[in-house]
């Protein structure tokens, strides 16, 4: 089979390797679709602390596929079953895991990071991932490509839960990439009266219009704070999501928020720029809630699959280009160029 291995910063190689052999308590899936995530791009550019130097790793954690082999001791799964794999595998015993927050486990494992992921033709699912619930049946009628969008949507669903968007809210999403698009779709589904999308890429803003944004603002050409003031009759946005990695926008979010506004610093900041000075008087006098969310739980993932299957979030609209495993590097280049939304590595 073919697999795309990450060897180090800027070094991804396509190799011909043996199909993984499974033990009696493991599962083998044929990967049908794996979407390229911003995390994959960051790992390819900067590396990851869970991938030691000298270790090669198959990246990719937005995975959907078909079971082709089941170990004799595995129950509940059969050959031919279509499945998706929430990437973060918790230990199951720490306080975070006990509360259902597997993504917050301090000793987590993850497909595409500490375990080989989806940019290969076949992938082995270890026993502890199966026991932890990290193999989820894909609803009937849902394509593999749509199912691979469940992981990023689940991160946005986690954000939605924390922000509690309700009908009547004006929501500002800063960042018009694939994650920003899913935030727009999720908040429209939640009943937001107006969703404003902001970015410096007009091409992506044009796409956001078709994905449900009521208003788009090119912040390279228009003052974002003034635009928000105009769209809210001076009140500010009820919900603000910084779906980008720009420190100044986190500061500015407090200024653009309405009284009792909720702000999610969703996009992590680059190393060396993670300390941001915030005007806490704005938080105090406007009674703001400033929070963060990261990743998603298995429950979030399962619900996101159901949302996509319902047709109320159009995952297909996010698929801009597909590539074979042999062309994984091209998929990364497409995603990094910011020309479209999601790039998927698929196989027949």
Protein backbone atom coordinates (compact mmCIF):
# COMPACT_ATOMS: atom_id res chain seq x y z
CA UNK A 1 0.00 0.00 0.00
CA UNK A 2 0.98 3.64 -0.31
CA UNK A 3 1.47 5.92 2.68
CA UNK A 4 2.58 9.53 3.08
CA UNK A 5 5.17 9.74 5.86
CA UNK A 6 6.20 12.90 7.66
CA UNK A 7 9.94 12.66 8.38
CA UNK A 8 10.52 16.17 9.63
CA UNK A 9 9.85 19.81 8.89
CA UNK A 10 9.05 20.19 5.18
CA UNK A 11 9.76 16.51 4.50
CA UNK A 12 6.80 14.32 3.50
CA UNK A 13 7.58 11.21 1.45
CA UNK A 14 5.25 8.82 -0.35
CA UNK A 15 6.31 5.24 0.30
CA UNK A 16 5.20 1.75 -0.67
CA UNK A 17 4.84 -0.29 2.52
CA UNK A 18 3.17 -3.47 3.77
CA UNK A 19 -0.48 -3.32 4.80
CA UNK A 20 -0.51 -3.24 8.63
CA UNK A 21 -1.10 -6.57 10.32
CA UNK A 22 -3.60 -6.59 13.17
CA UNK A 23 -3.82 -8.64 16.32
CA UNK A 24 -6.92 -10.36 17.72
CA UNK A 25 -8.11 -7.19 19.48
CA UNK A 26 -7.55 -4.68 16.65
CA UNK A 27 -9.32 -3.42 13.52
CA UNK A 28 -7.99 -2.64 10.05
CA UNK A 29 -9.74 -0.02 7.96
CA UNK A 30 -9.33 1.02 4.37
CA UNK A 31 -9.10 4.80 4.50
CA UNK A 32 -11.60 6.28 2.07
CA UNK A 33 -11.26 9.97 2.92
CA UNK A 34 -8.95 12.06 5.09
CA UNK A 35 -9.18 15.85 5.07
CA UNK A 36 -6.18 18.13 5.43
CA UNK A 37 -6.41 20.20 8.62
CA UNK A 38 -4.57 23.33 9.72
CA UNK A 39 -2.94 21.15 12.37
CA UNK A 40 -1.45 18.96 9.62
CA UNK A 41 -0.04 22.07 7.96
CA UNK A 42 1.47 23.31 11.24
CA UNK A 43 3.07 19.93 11.94
CA UNK A 44 4.56 19.82 8.44
CA UNK A 45 5.98 23.30 8.96
CA UNK A 46 7.03 23.24 12.62
CA UNK A 47 6.91 19.61 13.80
CA UNK A 48 5.13 18.34 16.92
CA UNK A 49 6.34 17.44 20.40
CA UNK A 50 4.66 14.02 20.15
CA UNK A 51 6.64 13.19 17.00
CA UNK A 52 10.27 12.90 18.19
CA UNK A 53 13.05 13.74 15.79
CA UNK A 54 14.00 10.63 13.85
CA UNK A 55 10.45 9.24 13.97
CA UNK A 56 8.38 9.01 10.81
CA UNK A 57 4.62 9.42 11.09
CA UNK A 58 1.59 9.29 8.81
CA UNK A 59 -0.32 12.50 9.48
CA UNK A 60 -4.07 13.03 9.02
CA UNK A 61 -6.79 12.87 11.68
CA UNK A 62 -10.03 13.76 9.85
CA UNK A 63 -10.65 10.16 8.82
CA UNK A 64 -13.44 8.05 7.38
CA UNK A 65 -13.13 4.55 5.99
CA UNK A 66 -14.40 1.00 5.73
CA UNK A 67 -13.52 -1.92 8.00
CA UNK A 68 -11.72 -4.64 6.05
CA UNK A 69 -10.50 -6.86 8.89
CA UNK A 70 -11.67 -7.42 12.47
CA UNK A 71 -9.69 -9.20 15.18
CA UNK A 72 -11.29 -12.34 16.61
CA UNK A 73 -11.77 -10.74 20.05
CA UNK A 74 -13.34 -7.50 18.79
CA UNK A 75 -17.08 -7.24 19.35
CA UNK A 76 -19.59 -4.84 17.78
CA UNK A 77 -17.73 -4.23 14.52
CA UNK A 78 -17.91 -6.16 11.25
CA UNK A 79 -16.14 -6.24 7.92
CA UNK A 80 -17.78 -3.77 5.52
CA UNK A 81 -18.91 -1.39 8.27
CA UNK A 82 -18.35 2.26 7.37
CA UNK A 83 -16.67 4.10 10.24
CA UNK A 84 -15.10 7.40 11.24
CA UNK A 85 -12.46 7.89 13.91
CA UNK A 86 -12.46 10.69 16.50
CA UNK A 87 -8.72 11.37 16.73
CA UNK A 88 -8.04 11.99 20.42
CA UNK A 89 -7.82 8.86 22.57
CA UNK A 90 -7.98 9.46 26.30
CA UNK A 91 -6.50 7.28 29.03
CA UNK A 92 -9.98 6.69 30.46
CA UNK A 93 -9.03 7.15 34.12
CA UNK A 94 -7.92 10.78 34.61
CA UNK A 95 -10.37 13.46 35.84
CA UNK A 96 -10.85 14.84 32.31
CA UNK A 97 -11.63 11.42 30.81
CA UNK A 98 -13.98 10.52 33.66
CA UNK A 99 -15.98 13.67 32.83
CA UNK A 100 -16.07 12.74 29.13
CA UNK A 101 -13.43 15.20 27.95
CA UNK A 102 -11.09 12.76 26.23
CA UNK A 103 -9.53 15.60 24.22
CA UNK A 104 -8.29 17.18 27.48
CA UNK A 105 -6.52 14.04 28.73
CA UNK A 106 -2.92 14.90 29.69
CA UNK A 107 -1.77 11.52 28.41
CA UNK A 108 -3.81 11.44 25.20
CA UNK A 109 -2.82 9.59 22.07
CA UNK A 110 -3.99 10.80 18.68
CA UNK A 111 -4.29 9.46 15.16
CA UNK A 112 -2.06 11.45 12.83
CA UNK A 113 0.15 12.63 15.70
CA UNK A 114 1.31 9.91 18.09
CA UNK A 115 -0.25 7.15 15.96
CA UNK A 116 -0.20 6.79 12.18
CA UNK A 117 -3.17 8.59 10.70
CA UNK A 118 -5.21 8.77 7.54
CA UNK A 119 -2.87 9.75 4.72
CA UNK A 120 -2.37 6.11 3.81
CA UNK A 121 -4.46 3.44 2.14
CA UNK A 122 -4.98 1.24 5.20
CA UNK A 123 -4.88 2.13 8.90
CA UNK A 124 -4.71 -0.01 12.02
CA UNK A 125 -6.97 0.81 14.99
CA UNK A 126 -5.38 -0.36 18.26
CA UNK A 127 -7.40 -2.08 20.98
CA UNK A 128 -7.34 0.83 23.42
CA UNK A 129 -8.83 3.16 20.77
CA UNK A 130 -11.66 0.71 20.10
CA UNK A 131 -12.39 0.35 23.83
CA UNK A 132 -12.33 4.14 24.28
CA UNK A 133 -15.05 4.58 21.64
CA UNK A 134 -12.86 6.09 18.92
CA UNK A 135 -14.47 4.07 16.13
CA UNK A 136 -17.90 5.48 15.22
CA UNK A 137 -20.35 4.07 12.67
CA UNK A 138 -21.07 6.47 9.79
CA UNK A 139 -24.83 7.10 9.38
CA UNK A 140 -26.42 5.51 6.33
CA UNK A 141 -26.52 7.80 3.32
CA UNK A 142 -23.56 9.88 4.43
CA UNK A 143 -20.55 9.81 2.10
CA UNK A 144 -17.00 9.17 3.32
CA UNK A 145 -16.04 12.68 2.20
CA UNK A 146 -18.83 14.24 4.28
CA UNK A 147 -17.97 12.03 7.26
CA UNK A 148 -14.37 13.25 7.25
CA UNK A 149 -15.69 16.79 7.88
CA UNK A 150 -17.23 15.62 11.18
CA UNK A 151 -13.98 16.17 13.10
CA UNK A 152 -13.58 19.90 12.36
CA UNK A 153 -17.33 20.41 12.77
CA UNK A 154 -17.14 18.73 16.18
CA UNK A 155 -14.57 21.32 17.29
CA UNK A 156 -17.00 24.05 16.24
CA UNK A 157 -19.84 22.25 17.99
CA UNK A 158 -17.78 22.25 21.18
CA UNK A 159 -17.35 26.01 20.74
CA UNK A 160 -21.08 26.48 20.17
CA UNK A 161 -21.90 24.68 23.40
CA UNK A 162 -19.62 26.99 25.38
CA UNK A 163 -20.94 30.16 23.72
CA UNK A 164 -24.62 29.14 23.75
CA UNK A 165 -25.67 31.05 20.65
CA UNK A 166 -29.42 31.68 20.65
CA UNK A 167 -31.93 33.25 18.25
CA UNK A 168 -31.53 37.01 18.28
CA UNK A 169 -27.75 36.90 18.62
CA UNK A 170 -25.39 38.64 16.23
CA UNK A 171 -22.30 36.48 15.75
CA UNK A 172 -18.93 37.67 14.46
CA UNK A 173 -16.62 35.00 13.04
CA UNK A 174 -13.10 36.33 12.43
CA UNK A 175 -11.35 34.07 9.93
CA UNK A 176 -12.91 32.72 6.73
CA UNK A 177 -11.04 29.44 6.36
CA UNK A 178 -12.70 26.02 6.62
CA UNK A 179 -13.05 26.31 10.40
CA UNK A 180 -14.52 29.80 10.10
CA UNK A 181 -16.99 28.46 7.54
CA UNK A 182 -18.08 25.69 9.92
CA UNK A 183 -18.51 28.24 12.72
CA UNK A 184 -20.77 30.24 10.40
CA UNK A 185 -22.83 27.17 9.55
CA UNK A 186 -23.05 25.98 13.16
CA UNK A 187 -24.18 29.38 14.46
CA UNK A 188 -26.74 29.77 11.68
CA UNK A 189 -28.11 26.36 12.65
CA UNK A 190 -28.25 27.54 16.27
CA UNK A 191 -30.53 30.38 15.20
CA UNK A 192 -28.23 33.40 15.11
CA UNK A 193 -30.13 36.32 13.60
CA UNK A 194 -27.05 37.74 11.90
CA UNK A 195 -23.65 36.18 11.24
CA UNK A 196 -20.80 38.45 10.19
CA UNK A 197 -17.69 36.85 8.68
CA UNK A 198 -14.42 38.79 8.51
CA UNK A 199 -11.15 38.04 6.74
CA UNK A 200 -8.51 39.66 4.54
CA UNK A 201 -9.12 37.23 1.64
CA UNK A 202 -11.92 38.38 -0.63
CA UNK A 203 -12.02 35.01 -2.39
CA UNK A 204 -12.76 33.22 0.86
CA UNK A 205 -15.26 35.87 1.92
CA UNK A 206 -17.11 35.30 -1.34
CA UNK A 207 -17.35 31.62 -0.44
CA UNK A 208 -18.63 32.49 3.03
CA UNK A 209 -21.63 34.23 1.47
CA UNK A 210 -22.71 30.98 -0.14
CA UNK A 211 -22.15 29.10 3.13
CA UNK A 212 -24.56 31.23 5.14
CA UNK A 213 -22.81 34.41 6.25
CA UNK A 214 -25.26 37.33 6.27
CA UNK A 215 -22.53 39.97 6.10
CA UNK A 216 -18.88 39.72 5.04
CA UNK A 217 -16.19 42.26 5.91
CA UNK A 218 -12.82 42.49 4.22
CA UNK A 219 -10.81 43.80 7.15
CA UNK A 220 -7.91 44.68 4.86
CA UNK A 221 -10.15 47.28 3.22
CA UNK A 222 -12.68 48.17 5.92
CA UNK A 223 -12.27 48.95 9.63
CA UNK A 224 -13.71 45.84 11.29
CA UNK A 225 -14.78 47.56 14.51
CA UNK A 226 -16.65 50.24 12.58
CA UNK A 227 -18.33 47.61 10.41
CA UNK A 228 -19.49 45.67 13.47
CA UNK A 229 -20.77 48.87 15.07
CA UNK A 230 -22.73 49.67 11.92
CA UNK A 231 -24.22 46.17 11.62
CA UNK A 232 -25.30 46.13 15.28
CA UNK A 233 -26.54 49.72 15.57
CA UNK A 234 -23.65 50.45 17.90
CA UNK A 235 -24.39 47.59 20.34
CA UNK A 236 -21.57 45.22 19.35
CA UNK A 237 -21.66 41.49 18.62
CA UNK A 238 -23.23 39.10 21.12
CA UNK A 239 -20.87 36.28 20.17
CA UNK A 240 -17.34 36.62 18.76
CA UNK A 241 -15.16 33.73 17.58
CA UNK A 242 -11.52 34.37 16.67
CA UNK A 243 -11.01 31.53 14.19
CA UNK A 244 -7.52 32.75 13.36
CA UNK A 245 -4.13 33.08 15.06
CA UNK A 246 -3.75 36.87 15.33
CA UNK A 247 -3.07 38.32 18.82
CA UNK A 248 -4.36 41.82 17.97
CA UNK A 249 -7.75 40.39 17.02
CA UNK A 250 -8.11 38.82 20.46
CA UNK A 251 -7.58 42.26 22.00
CA UNK A 252 -9.97 43.86 19.55
CA UNK A 253 -12.65 41.24 20.18
CA UNK A 254 -13.27 42.65 23.66
CA UNK A 255 -13.90 46.08 22.15
CA UNK A 256 -16.35 44.76 19.54
CA UNK A 257 -18.40 42.68 21.97
CA UNK A 258 -21.83 43.76 23.19
CA UNK A 259 -22.76 44.00 26.86
CA UNK A 260 -22.91 40.40 28.17
CA UNK A 261 -21.08 39.29 25.02
CA UNK A 262 -19.37 35.91 24.79
CA UNK A 263 -15.95 35.58 23.16
CA UNK A 264 -14.15 32.38 22.21
CA UNK A 265 -10.42 32.62 21.52
CA UNK A 266 -10.78 29.57 19.29
CA UNK A 267 -7.59 29.85 17.24
CA UNK A 268 -4.39 29.13 19.16
CA UNK A 269 -1.52 31.60 18.85
CA UNK A 270 1.97 30.93 17.47
CA UNK A 271 4.78 30.17 19.89
CA UNK A 272 6.29 33.39 21.16
CA UNK A 273 3.09 35.36 20.57
CA UNK A 274 0.80 33.59 23.00
CA UNK A 275 0.88 36.29 25.70
CA UNK A 276 -1.76 38.92 24.92
CA UNK A 277 -2.53 42.02 26.98
CA UNK A 278 -6.29 42.33 27.43
CA UNK A 279 -8.23 45.33 28.74
CA UNK A 280 -9.93 43.59 31.67
CA UNK A 281 -12.00 46.71 32.37
CA UNK A 282 -13.94 45.84 29.22
CA UNK A 283 -14.60 42.38 30.62
CA UNK A 284 -15.59 43.87 33.98
CA UNK A 285 -17.83 46.75 32.92
CA UNK A 286 -19.52 44.97 30.00
CA UNK A 287 -19.79 41.71 31.98
CA UNK A 288 -18.17 39.77 29.16
CA UNK A 289 -17.41 36.07 29.10
CA UNK A 290 -14.02 35.37 27.49
CA UNK A 291 -13.25 31.69 27.05
CA UNK A 292 -11.45 29.11 24.98
CA UNK A 293 -12.31 25.69 23.57
CA UNK A 294 -10.00 23.13 22.04
CA UNK A 295 -10.73 19.99 20.10
CA UNK A 296 -13.84 17.95 20.83
CA UNK A 297 -15.08 14.98 22.80
CA UNK A 298 -16.29 11.72 21.32
CA UNK A 299 -19.82 12.87 22.16
CA UNK A 300 -19.27 16.10 20.21
CA UNK A 301 -17.97 14.05 17.29
CA UNK A 302 -20.94 11.68 17.31
CA UNK A 303 -23.42 14.55 17.39
CA UNK A 304 -21.59 16.31 14.57
CA UNK A 305 -21.90 13.23 12.37
CA UNK A 306 -25.63 13.26 13.06
CA UNK A 307 -25.87 16.97 12.21
CA UNK A 308 -24.15 16.42 8.86
CA UNK A 309 -26.32 13.38 8.15
CA UNK A 310 -29.44 15.50 8.78
CA UNK A 311 -28.42 17.81 5.94
CA UNK A 312 -28.58 20.87 8.19
CA UNK A 313 -24.87 21.50 7.71
CA UNK A 314 -23.72 21.17 4.11
CA UNK A 315 -20.37 19.42 4.48
CA UNK A 316 -20.15 18.76 0.73
CA UNK A 317 -19.95 22.50 0.11
CA UNK A 318 -16.62 22.61 1.96
CA UNK A 319 -14.88 20.06 -0.27
CA UNK A 320 -12.86 22.10 -2.75
CA UNK A 321 -10.44 19.49 -4.11
CA UNK A 322 -9.59 15.79 -3.79
CA UNK A 323 -6.21 14.09 -4.17
CA UNK A 324 -4.86 10.55 -4.12
CA UNK A 325 -2.45 9.31 -1.44
CA UNK A 326 0.34 9.66 -4.01
CA UNK A 327 -0.51 13.36 -4.25
CA UNK A 328 -0.68 14.09 -0.51
CA UNK A 329 2.04 16.74 -0.84
CA UNK A 330 -0.05 18.49 -3.50
CA UNK A 331 -3.03 18.34 -1.14
CA UNK A 332 -0.94 20.08 1.52
CA UNK A 333 0.17 22.72 -0.98
CA UNK A 334 -3.43 23.35 -2.03
CA UNK A 335 -4.57 23.71 1.58
CA UNK A 336 -1.66 26.00 2.48
CA UNK A 337 -2.37 28.27 -0.50
CA UNK A 338 -5.80 29.13 0.92
CA UNK A 339 -7.45 28.96 -2.48
CA UNK A 340 -10.49 26.95 -1.46
CA UNK A 341 -11.86 25.31 1.65
CA UNK A 342 -11.07 21.64 2.40
CA UNK A 343 -8.61 19.46 0.51
CA UNK A 344 -9.28 15.72 0.88
CA UNK A 345 -7.02 12.73 0.29
CA UNK A 346 -9.30 9.96 -0.98
CA UNK A 347 -9.06 6.41 -2.27
CA UNK A 348 -11.46 4.09 -4.05
